[in-house]
Protein backbone atom coordinates (compact mmCIF):
# COMPACT_ATOMS: atom_id res chain seq x y z
CA UNK A 1 107.93 97.33 128.26
CA UNK A 2 107.05 100.90 129.15
CA UNK A 3 107.93 102.11 132.64
CA UNK A 4 105.44 104.41 134.35
CA UNK A 5 106.57 106.91 136.97
CA UNK A 6 103.92 106.91 139.68
CA UNK A 7 103.67 109.40 142.53
CA UNK A 8 102.90 107.78 145.87
CA UNK A 9 101.48 109.85 148.72
CA UNK A 10 102.64 108.68 152.16
CA UNK A 11 100.66 109.95 155.12
CA UNK A 12 100.60 109.33 158.84
CA UNK A 13 97.21 108.10 160.03
CA UNK A 14 95.49 109.16 163.26
CA UNK A 15 96.42 105.83 164.89
CA UNK A 16 100.14 106.42 164.16
CA UNK A 17 100.33 103.96 161.26
CA UNK A 18 101.26 104.96 157.70
CA UNK A 19 99.55 104.58 154.34
CA UNK A 20 101.19 104.71 150.89
CA UNK A 21 98.69 105.48 148.12
CA UNK A 22 99.83 105.44 144.47
CA UNK A 23 98.31 108.06 142.19
CA UNK A 24 97.59 106.18 138.98
CA UNK A 25 94.82 105.81 136.41
CA UNK A 26 94.63 102.03 136.18
CA UNK A 27 91.49 100.03 136.97
CA UNK A 28 93.07 98.01 139.74
CA UNK A 29 93.75 99.43 143.17
CA UNK A 30 96.62 98.71 145.52
CA UNK A 31 98.02 100.53 148.54
CA UNK A 32 100.60 99.99 151.25
CA UNK A 33 100.05 100.12 154.99
CA UNK A 34 102.37 99.67 157.94
CA UNK A 35 103.46 100.67 161.42
CA UNK A 36 106.40 102.56 159.86
CA UNK A 37 106.93 104.37 156.57
CA UNK A 38 109.29 101.60 155.48
CA UNK A 39 106.63 98.96 156.21
CA UNK A 40 104.05 100.92 154.18
CA UNK A 41 106.49 101.22 151.27
CA UNK A 42 107.29 97.50 151.41
CA UNK A 43 103.58 96.63 151.60
CA UNK A 44 102.95 98.85 148.58
CA UNK A 45 105.60 96.96 146.59
CA UNK A 46 104.00 93.63 147.61
CA UNK A 47 100.50 94.90 146.77
CA UNK A 48 101.75 96.08 143.37
CA UNK A 49 103.29 92.65 142.69
CA UNK A 50 99.98 90.97 143.57
CA UNK A 51 98.07 93.43 141.36
CA UNK A 52 100.49 92.74 138.50
CA UNK A 53 99.77 89.00 138.84
CA UNK A 54 96.02 89.65 138.58
CA UNK A 55 96.29 92.14 135.73
CA UNK A 56 99.22 91.28 133.48
CA UNK A 57 98.59 94.41 131.37
CA UNK A 58 99.56 96.57 134.35
CA UNK A 59 102.79 98.33 133.34
CA UNK A 60 106.08 98.27 135.20
CA UNK A 61 105.95 101.09 137.73
CA UNK A 62 108.62 103.17 139.39
CA UNK A 63 107.43 104.92 142.53
CA UNK A 64 108.32 108.49 143.54
CA UNK A 65 107.29 109.27 147.10
CA UNK A 66 105.68 112.43 148.48
CA UNK A 67 105.41 112.61 152.26
CA UNK A 68 103.33 114.54 154.71
CA UNK A 69 105.64 116.15 157.29
CA UNK A 70 105.08 113.55 160.04
CA UNK A 71 105.76 110.69 157.62
CA UNK A 72 108.93 112.30 156.29
CA UNK A 73 110.26 112.91 159.79
CA UNK A 74 109.58 109.26 160.72
CA UNK A 75 111.18 108.05 157.49
CA UNK A 76 114.35 110.07 157.97
CA UNK A 77 114.66 109.14 161.67
CA UNK A 78 117.85 107.16 162.14
CA UNK A 79 119.42 108.78 159.10
CA UNK A 80 119.35 112.34 160.46
CA UNK A 81 118.36 113.37 163.95
CA UNK A 82 116.15 116.34 164.80
CA UNK A 83 119.14 118.49 165.72
CA UNK A 84 120.55 117.84 162.22
CA UNK A 85 117.19 118.73 160.68
CA UNK A 86 117.08 121.90 162.76
CA UNK A 87 120.44 122.90 161.27
CA UNK A 88 119.30 122.00 157.74
CA UNK A 89 115.85 123.61 157.90
CA UNK A 90 116.08 126.31 160.56
CA UNK A 91 113.00 124.83 162.27
CA UNK A 92 113.36 124.25 166.01
CA UNK A 93 113.96 120.57 166.83
CA UNK A 94 111.31 120.58 169.56
CA UNK A 95 108.77 121.77 167.01
CA UNK A 96 109.99 119.12 164.56
CA UNK A 97 109.42 116.55 167.30
CA UNK A 98 105.82 117.73 167.70
CA UNK A 99 105.30 117.35 163.94
CA UNK A 100 106.87 113.87 163.93
CA UNK A 101 104.64 112.60 166.73
CA UNK A 102 101.49 114.25 165.39
CA UNK A 103 101.10 116.54 168.43
CA UNK A 104 100.86 119.45 166.04
CA UNK A 105 100.84 120.12 162.31
CA UNK A 106 103.16 122.57 160.59
CA UNK A 107 101.78 125.57 158.78
CA UNK A 108 102.12 125.73 155.01
CA UNK A 109 104.93 128.26 155.51
CA UNK A 110 106.81 125.86 157.82
CA UNK A 111 106.34 122.94 155.41
CA UNK A 112 107.81 125.15 152.67
CA UNK A 113 110.73 126.06 154.95
CA UNK A 114 111.43 122.38 155.68
CA UNK A 115 111.16 121.51 151.97
CA UNK A 116 113.55 124.29 150.95
CA UNK A 117 116.07 123.26 153.61
CA UNK A 118 115.99 119.63 152.47
CA UNK A 119 116.44 120.68 148.83
CA UNK A 120 119.39 122.95 149.70
CA UNK A 121 121.00 120.15 151.71
CA UNK A 122 120.51 117.58 148.94
CA UNK A 123 122.02 119.99 146.41
CA UNK A 124 125.04 120.43 148.70
CA UNK A 125 125.44 116.65 148.93
CA UNK A 126 125.22 116.28 145.15
CA UNK A 127 128.25 118.54 144.79
CA UNK A 128 130.35 116.31 147.05
CA UNK A 129 132.92 114.07 145.41
CA UNK A 130 134.86 111.61 147.55
CA UNK A 131 138.41 110.64 146.58
């Protein structure tokens, strides 16, 4: 069976909930929603399983997630704190807090700065070898 790689856009809604929307070309729709990013991702997986039951021709899908800034900051909360992210990205933690809570939105330049910091950090981690 062919595996399809599907991009899923995760966004924070105005009410503080999260939506996970897969970007695919199939004739059946399914999304994920939740109070947290993790809940939205889990709901997406459940919705996909239900869609697969209704349409057996739906291929096996592997999801790759793209986040808006607020969703990413909520998702990473508990794994890295805002002070850690400040060190990684160079963006002030108070400003990161405003982005995470939806009080303000980052400019395109700031989103790029956060993205580049995360990529640099992940590349550093990939070079680590524990013995």
